Amino acid sequence: MPTHTTTPRALCHSAYPYILAVLGVCLYKQLSSAKTPHEKTVIQRQIAAADKQIDRLVYELYELTEEEIKIVEED
């Protein structure tokens, strides 16, 4: 039976980035309707985590080195 390994690059060409983008949109909508400071903080952290995952996918797609990633993240 063949084994199938999904790499981050393969995920870049699948639905995963789309799902992350939709998640981000939903989280921003939730943020605008958050009622308490705690709720806002939790949602902001979720947005930051989704953004970081998207960044990692883009870095993988463009085959950036750790040095190049540092340069991008400094800006």
PDB file of N, CA and C in Angstrom:
ATOM      1  N   MET A   1       0.841  -1.174   0.000  1.00  0.00           N
ATOM      2  CA  MET A   1       0.000   0.000   0.000  1.00  0.00           C
ATOM      3  C   MET A   1       0.893   1.245   0.000  1.00  0.00           C
ATOM      4  N   PRO A   2       0.697   2.160  -0.935  1.00  0.00           N
ATOM      5  CA  PRO A   2       1.541   3.353  -0.998  1.00  0.00           C
ATOM      6  C   PRO A   2       1.251   4.288   0.166  1.00  0.00           C
ATOM      7  N   THR A   3       2.305   4.934   0.621  1.00  0.00           N
ATOM      8  CA  THR A   3       2.121   5.929   1.672  1.00  0.00           C
ATOM      9  C   THR A   3       2.100   7.306   1.039  1.00  0.00           C
ATOM     10  N   HIS A   4       1.334   8.167   1.610  1.00  0.00           N
ATOM     11  CA  HIS A   4       1.205   9.518   1.076  1.00  0.00           C
ATOM     12  C   HIS A   4       1.620  10.501   2.165  1.00  0.00           C
ATOM     13  N   THR A   5       2.648  11.274   1.885  1.00  0.00           N
ATOM     14  CA  THR A   5       3.104  12.289   2.812  1.00  0.00           C
ATOM     15  C   THR A   5       2.763  13.653   2.224  1.00  0.00           C
ATOM     16  N   THR A   6       2.056  14.435   2.986  1.00  0.00           N
ATOM     17  CA  THR A   6       1.699  15.773   2.537  1.00  0.00           C
ATOM     18  C   THR A   6       2.714  16.755   3.087  1.00  0.00           C
ATOM     19  N   THR A   7       3.365  17.457   2.189  1.00  0.00           N
ATOM     20  CA  THR A   7       4.355  18.458   2.580  1.00  0.00           C
ATOM     21  C   THR A   7       3.689  19.829   2.648  1.00  0.00           C
ATOM     22  N   PRO A   8       4.317  20.765   3.347  1.00  0.00           N
ATOM     23  CA  PRO A   8       3.753  22.123   3.371  1.00  0.00           C
ATOM     24  C   PRO A   8       3.566  22.697   1.972  1.00  0.00           C
ATOM     25  N   ARG A   9       4.480  22.391   1.065  1.00  0.00           N
ATOM     26  CA  ARG A   9       4.339  22.896  -0.301  1.00  0.00           C
ATOM     27  C   ARG A   9       3.082  22.331  -0.953  1.00  0.00           C
ATOM     28  N   ALA A  10       2.819  21.050  -0.733  1.00  0.00           N
ATOM     29  CA  ALA A  10       1.609  20.448  -1.293  1.00  0.00           C
ATOM     30  C   ALA A  10       0.373  21.114  -0.705  1.00  0.00           C
ATOM     31  N   LEU A  11       0.431  21.436   0.583  1.00  0.00           N
ATOM     32  CA  LEU A  11      -0.697  22.110   1.213  1.00  0.00           C
ATOM     33  C   LEU A  11      -0.909  23.502   0.644  1.00  0.00           C
ATOM     34  N   CYS A  12       0.173  24.158   0.209  1.00  0.00           N
ATOM     35  CA  CYS A  12       0.054  25.488  -0.382  1.00  0.00           C
ATOM     36  C   CYS A  12      -0.812  25.456  -1.632  1.00  0.00           C
ATOM     37  N   HIS A  13      -0.854  24.311  -2.275  1.00  0.00           N
ATOM     38  CA  HIS A  13      -1.622  24.174  -3.509  1.00  0.00           C
ATOM     39  C   HIS A  13      -2.969  23.519  -3.250  1.00  0.00           C
ATOM     40  N   SER A  14      -3.310  23.280  -2.000  1.00  0.00           N
ATOM     41  CA  SER A  14      -4.578  22.656  -1.660  1.00  0.00           C
ATOM     42  C   SER A  14      -5.501  23.696  -1.035  1.00  0.00           C
ATOM     43  N   ALA A  15      -6.463  23.225  -0.288  1.00  0.00           N
ATOM     44  CA  ALA A  15      -7.452  24.114   0.313  1.00  0.00           C
ATOM     45  C   ALA A  15      -6.973  24.756   1.609  1.00  0.00           C
ATOM     46  N   TYR A  16      -5.863  24.310   2.165  1.00  0.00           N
ATOM     47  CA  TYR A  16      -5.422  24.796   3.474  1.00  0.00           C
ATOM     48  C   TYR A  16      -5.256  26.318   3.535  1.00  0.00           C
ATOM     49  N   PRO A  17      -4.561  26.953   2.589  1.00  0.00           N
ATOM     50  CA  PRO A  17      -4.451  28.422   2.656  1.00  0.00           C
ATOM     51  C   PRO A  17      -5.811  29.114   2.575  1.00  0.00           C
ATOM     52  N   TYR A  18      -6.698  28.553   1.781  1.00  0.00           N
ATOM     53  CA  TYR A  18      -8.040  29.125   1.667  1.00  0.00           C
ATOM     54  C   TYR A  18      -8.762  29.038   3.006  1.00  0.00           C
ATOM     55  N   ILE A  19      -8.651  27.889   3.656  1.00  0.00           N
ATOM     56  CA  ILE A  19      -9.287  27.690   4.959  1.00  0.00           C
ATOM     57  C   ILE A  19      -8.735  28.687   5.973  1.00  0.00           C
ATOM     58  N   LEU A  20      -7.422  28.888   5.975  1.00  0.00           N
ATOM     59  CA  LEU A  20      -6.814  29.855   6.896  1.00  0.00           C
ATOM     60  C   LEU A  20      -7.309  31.273   6.618  1.00  0.00           C
ATOM     61  N   ALA A  21      -7.439  31.611   5.343  1.00  0.00           N
ATOM     62  CA  ALA A  21      -7.912  32.949   4.983  1.00  0.00           C
ATOM     63  C   ALA A  21      -9.353  33.155   5.449  1.00  0.00           C
ATOM     64  N   VAL A  22     -10.194  32.149   5.243  1.00  0.00           N
ATOM     65  CA  VAL A  22     -11.581  32.242   5.687  1.00  0.00           C
ATOM     66  C   VAL A  22     -11.639  32.349   7.207  1.00  0.00           C
ATOM     67  N   LEU A  23     -10.808  31.568   7.877  1.00  0.00           N
ATOM     68  CA  LEU A  23     -10.736  31.636   9.336  1.00  0.00           C
ATOM     69  C   LEU A  23     -10.374  33.050   9.777  1.00  0.00           C
ATOM     70  N   GLY A  24      -9.395  33.645   9.111  1.00  0.00           N
ATOM     71  CA  GLY A  24      -8.992  35.010   9.444  1.00  0.00           C
ATOM     72  C   GLY A  24     -10.131  35.995   9.289  1.00  0.00           C
ATOM     73  N   VAL A  25     -10.875  35.889   8.210  1.00  0.00           N
ATOM     74  CA  VAL A  25     -12.015  36.783   7.979  1.00  0.00           C
ATOM     75  C   VAL A  25     -13.051  36.603   9.093  1.00  0.00           C
ATOM     76  N   CYS A  26     -13.340  35.350   9.420  1.00  0.00           N
ATOM     77  CA  CYS A  26     -14.311  35.074  10.495  1.00  0.00           C
ATOM     78  C   CYS A  26     -13.838  35.631  11.829  1.00  0.00           C
ATOM     79  N   LEU A  27     -12.556  35.469  12.109  1.00  0.00           N
ATOM     80  CA  LEU A  27     -12.022  35.972  13.373  1.00  0.00           C
ATOM     81  C   LEU A  27     -12.094  37.493  13.443  1.00  0.00           C
ATOM     82  N   TYR A  28     -11.807  38.172  12.325  1.00  0.00           N
ATOM     83  CA  TYR A  28     -11.900  39.636  12.332  1.00  0.00           C
ATOM     84  C   TYR A  28     -13.338  40.089  12.558  1.00  0.00           C
ATOM     85  N   LYS A  29     -14.294  39.345  12.004  1.00  0.00           N
ATOM     86  CA  LYS A  29     -15.700  39.679  12.245  1.00  0.00           C
ATOM     87  C   LYS A  29     -16.046  39.478  13.717  1.00  0.00           C
ATOM     88  N   GLN A  30     -15.555  38.383  14.291  1.00  0.00           N
ATOM     89  CA  GLN A  30     -15.796  38.130  15.715  1.00  0.00           C
ATOM     90  C   GLN A  30     -15.162  39.219  16.570  1.00  0.00           C
ATOM     91  N   LEU A  31     -13.970  39.660  16.168  1.00  0.00           N
ATOM     92  CA  LEU A  31     -13.271  40.691  16.928  1.00  0.00           C
ATOM     93  C   LEU A  31     -14.091  41.975  16.991  1.00  0.00           C
ATOM     94  N   SER A  32     -14.710  42.320  15.872  1.00  0.00           N
ATOM     95  CA  SER A  32     -15.490  43.567  15.848  1.00  0.00           C
ATOM     96  C   SER A  32     -16.733  43.488  16.728  1.00  0.00           C
ATOM     97  N   SER A  33     -17.180  42.262  17.027  1.00  0.00           N
ATOM     98  CA  SER A  33     -18.368  42.140  17.875  1.00  0.00           C
ATOM     99  C   SER A  33     -18.049  41.632  19.286  1.00  0.00           C
ATOM    100  N   ALA A  34     -16.766  41.507  19.606  1.00  0.00           N
ATOM    101  CA  ALA A  34     -16.374  41.053  20.944  1.00  0.00           C
ATOM    102  C   ALA A  34     -16.813  42.076  21.982  1.00  0.00           C
ATOM    103  N   LYS A  35     -17.316  41.564  23.086  1.00  0.00           N
ATOM    104  CA  LYS A  35     -17.887  42.451  24.091  1.00  0.00           C
ATOM    105  C   LYS A  35     -16.957  42.749  25.270  1.00  0.00           C
ATOM    106  N   THR A  36     -16.039  41.848  25.557  1.00  0.00           N
ATOM    107  CA  THR A  36     -15.177  42.056  26.719  1.00  0.00           C
ATOM    108  C   THR A  36     -13.715  42.149  26.275  1.00  0.00           C
ATOM    109  N   PRO A  37     -12.888  42.784  27.077  1.00  0.00           N
ATOM    110  CA  PRO A  37     -11.460  42.838  26.750  1.00  0.00           C
ATOM    111  C   PRO A  37     -10.847  41.431  26.643  1.00  0.00           C
ATOM    112  N   HIS A  38     -11.278  40.523  27.502  1.00  0.00           N
ATOM    113  CA  HIS A  38     -10.757  39.146  27.445  1.00  0.00           C
ATOM    114  C   HIS A  38     -11.113  38.478  26.122  1.00  0.00           C
ATOM    115  N   GLU A  39     -12.362  38.655  25.692  1.00  0.00           N
ATOM    116  CA  GLU A  39     -12.797  38.097  24.410  1.00  0.00           C
ATOM    117  C   GLU A  39     -11.939  38.650  23.265  1.00  0.00           C
ATOM    118  N   LYS A  40     -11.707  39.942  23.285  1.00  0.00           N
ATOM    119  CA  LYS A  40     -10.890  40.576  22.245  1.00  0.00           C
ATOM    120  C   LYS A  40      -9.473  40.019  22.252  1.00  0.00           C
ATOM    121  N   THR A  41      -8.901  39.842  23.434  1.00  0.00           N
ATOM    122  CA  THR A  41      -7.542  39.312  23.539  1.00  0.00           C
ATOM    123  C   THR A  41      -7.455  37.899  22.976  1.00  0.00           C
ATOM    124  N   VAL A  42      -8.428  37.066  23.315  1.00  0.00           N
ATOM    125  CA  VAL A  42      -8.436  35.680  22.822  1.00  0.00           C
ATOM    126  C   VAL A  42      -8.514  35.664  21.302  1.00  0.00           C
ATOM    127  N   ILE A  43      -9.391  36.462  20.745  1.00  0.00           N
ATOM    128  CA  ILE A  43      -9.558  36.501  19.282  1.00  0.00           C
ATOM    129  C   ILE A  43      -8.314  37.068  18.616  1.00  0.00           C
ATOM    130  N   GLN A  44      -7.716  38.098  19.200  1.00  0.00           N
ATOM    131  CA  GLN A  44      -6.483  38.668  18.643  1.00  0.00           C
ATOM    132  C   GLN A  44      -5.366  37.634  18.609  1.00  0.00           C
ATOM    133  N   ARG A  45      -5.288  36.806  19.633  1.00  0.00           N
ATOM    134  CA  ARG A  45      -4.281  35.743  19.655  1.00  0.00           C
ATOM    135  C   ARG A  45      -4.551  34.699  18.584  1.00  0.00           C
ATOM    136  N   GLN A  46      -5.814  34.383  18.355  1.00  0.00           N
ATOM    137  CA  GLN A  46      -6.168  33.432  17.302  1.00  0.00           C
ATOM    138  C   GLN A  46      -5.820  33.992  15.925  1.00  0.00           C
ATOM    139  N   ILE A  47      -6.057  35.281  15.734  1.00  0.00           N
ATOM    140  CA  ILE A  47      -5.711  35.937  14.473  1.00  0.00           C
ATOM    141  C   ILE A  47      -4.201  35.897  14.262  1.00  0.00           C
ATOM    142  N   ALA A  48      -3.448  36.196  15.301  1.00  0.00           N
ATOM    143  CA  ALA A  48      -1.981  36.179  15.199  1.00  0.00           C
ATOM    144  C   ALA A  48      -1.484  34.780  14.848  1.00  0.00           C
ATOM    145  N   ALA A  49      -2.077  33.749  15.440  1.00  0.00           N
ATOM    146  CA  ALA A  49      -1.669  32.373  15.145  1.00  0.00           C
ATOM    147  C   ALA A  49      -1.984  32.011  13.698  1.00  0.00           C
ATOM    148  N   ALA A  50      -3.158  32.404  13.206  1.00  0.00           N
ATOM    149  CA  ALA A  50      -3.520  32.123  11.813  1.00  0.00           C
ATOM    150  C   ALA A  50      -2.585  32.868  10.860  1.00  0.00           C
ATOM    151  N   ASP A  51      -2.282  34.130  11.176  1.00  0.00           N
ATOM    152  CA  ASP A  51      -1.354  34.912  10.351  1.00  0.00           C
ATOM    153  C   ASP A  51       0.021  34.242  10.286  1.00  0.00           C
ATOM    154  N   LYS A  52       0.472  33.734  11.413  1.00  0.00           N
ATOM    155  CA  LYS A  52       1.780  33.082  11.462  1.00  0.00           C
ATOM    156  C   LYS A  52       1.791  31.813  10.597  1.00  0.00           C
ATOM    157  N   GLN A  53       0.700  31.062  10.637  1.00  0.00           N
ATOM    158  CA  GLN A  53       0.610  29.855   9.803  1.00  0.00           C
ATOM    159  C   GLN A  53       0.628  30.217   8.322  1.00  0.00           C
ATOM    160  N   ILE A  54      -0.078  31.273   7.962  1.00  0.00           N
ATOM    161  CA  ILE A  54      -0.082  31.716   6.565  1.00  0.00           C
ATOM    162  C   ILE A  54       1.323  32.143   6.153  1.00  0.00           C
ATOM    163  N   ASP A  55       2.004  32.900   7.009  1.00  0.00           N
ATOM    164  CA  ASP A  55       3.382  33.311   6.715  1.00  0.00           C
ATOM    165  C   ASP A  55       4.270  32.095   6.464  1.00  0.00           C
ATOM    166  N   ARG A  56       4.185  31.089   7.332  1.00  0.00           N
ATOM    167  CA  ARG A  56       5.012  29.882   7.185  1.00  0.00           C
ATOM    168  C   ARG A  56       4.728  29.177   5.863  1.00  0.00           C
ATOM    169  N   LEU A  57       3.464  29.123   5.469  1.00  0.00           N
ATOM    170  CA  LEU A  57       3.125  28.504   4.181  1.00  0.00           C
ATOM    171  C   LEU A  57       3.746  29.270   3.016  1.00  0.00           C
ATOM    172  N   VAL A  58       3.695  30.594   3.100  1.00  0.00           N
ATOM    173  CA  VAL A  58       4.280  31.418   2.035  1.00  0.00           C
ATOM    174  C   VAL A  58       5.793  31.231   2.000  1.00  0.00           C
ATOM    175  N   TYR A  59       6.438  31.194   3.171  1.00  0.00           N
ATOM    176  CA  TYR A  59       7.885  30.985   3.227  1.00  0.00           C
ATOM    177  C   TYR A  59       8.254  29.644   2.589  1.00  0.00           C
ATOM    178  N   GLU A  60       7.462  28.627   2.876  1.00  0.00           N
ATOM    179  CA  GLU A  60       7.711  27.299   2.312  1.00  0.00           C
ATOM    180  C   GLU A  60       7.501  27.306   0.802  1.00  0.00           C
ATOM    181  N   LEU A  61       6.432  27.955   0.367  1.00  0.00           N
ATOM    182  CA  LEU A  61       6.125  28.020  -1.060  1.00  0.00           C
ATOM    183  C   LEU A  61       7.276  28.652  -1.843  1.00  0.00           C
ATOM    184  N   TYR A  62       7.846  29.729  -1.296  1.00  0.00           N
ATOM    185  CA  TYR A  62       8.933  30.436  -1.976  1.00  0.00           C
ATOM    186  C   TYR A  62      10.319  29.938  -1.574  1.00  0.00           C
ATOM    187  N   GLU A  63      10.344  28.868  -0.778  1.00  0.00           N
ATOM    188  CA  GLU A  63      11.592  28.224  -0.359  1.00  0.00           C
ATOM    189  C   GLU A  63      12.572  29.215   0.270  1.00  0.00           C
ATOM    190  N   LEU A  64      12.060  30.064   1.163  1.00  0.00           N
ATOM    191  CA  LEU A  64      12.919  31.036   1.823  1.00  0.00           C
ATOM    192  C   LEU A  64      13.802  30.350   2.861  1.00  0.00           C
ATOM    193  N   THR A  65      15.013  30.830   2.965  1.00  0.00           N
ATOM    194  CA  THR A  65      15.926  30.331   3.994  1.00  0.00           C
ATOM    195  C   THR A  65      15.588  31.028   5.308  1.00  0.00           C
ATOM    196  N   GLU A  66      16.134  30.522   6.407  1.00  0.00           N
ATOM    197  CA  GLU A  66      15.906  31.163   7.705  1.00  0.00           C
ATOM    198  C   GLU A  66      16.420  32.603   7.695  1.00  0.00           C
ATOM    199  N   GLU A  67      17.537  32.829   7.018  1.00  0.00           N
ATOM    200  CA  GLU A  67      18.100  34.185   6.927  1.00  0.00           C
ATOM    201  C   GLU A  67      17.134  35.112   6.176  1.00  0.00           C
ATOM    202  N   GLU A  68      16.569  34.634   5.077  1.00  0.00           N
ATOM    203  CA  GLU A  68      15.616  35.445   4.316  1.00  0.00           C
ATOM    204  C   GLU A  68      14.349  35.712   5.121  1.00  0.00           C
ATOM    205  N   ILE A  69      13.912  34.712   5.877  1.00  0.00           N
ATOM    206  CA  ILE A  69      12.722  34.883   6.714  1.00  0.00           C
ATOM    207  C   ILE A  69      12.970  35.959   7.765  1.00  0.00           C
ATOM    208  N   LYS A  70      14.152  35.973   8.361  1.00  0.00           N
ATOM    209  CA  LYS A  70      14.486  36.998   9.345  1.00  0.00           C
ATOM    210  C   LYS A  70      14.409  38.393   8.730  1.00  0.00           C
ATOM    211  N   ILE A  71      14.897  38.522   7.509  1.00  0.00           N
ATOM    212  CA  ILE A  71      14.872  39.816   6.815  1.00  0.00           C
ATOM    213  C   ILE A  71      13.427  40.240   6.589  1.00  0.00           C
ATOM    214  N   VAL A  72      12.598  39.328   6.125  1.00  0.00           N
ATOM    215  CA  VAL A  72      11.185  39.638   5.862  1.00  0.00           C
ATOM    216  C   VAL A  72      10.478  40.041   7.153  1.00  0.00           C
ATOM    217  N   GLU A  73      10.738  39.330   8.223  1.00  0.00           N
ATOM    218  CA  GLU A  73      10.039  39.585   9.475  1.00  0.00           C
ATOM    219  C   GLU A  73      10.536  40.837  10.190  1.00  0.00           C
ATOM    220  N   GLU A  74      11.717  41.334   9.838  1.00  0.00           N
ATOM    221  CA  GLU A  74      12.225  42.573  10.435  1.00  0.00           C
ATOM    222  C   GLU A  74      11.450  43.785   9.936  1.00  0.00           C
ATOM    223  N   ASP A  75      10.937  43.714   8.735  1.00  0.00           N
ATOM    224  CA  ASP A  75      10.232  44.854   8.139  1.00  0.00           C
ATOM    225  C   ASP A  75       8.907  45.062   8.725  1.00  0.00           C
TER     226      ASP A  75
END
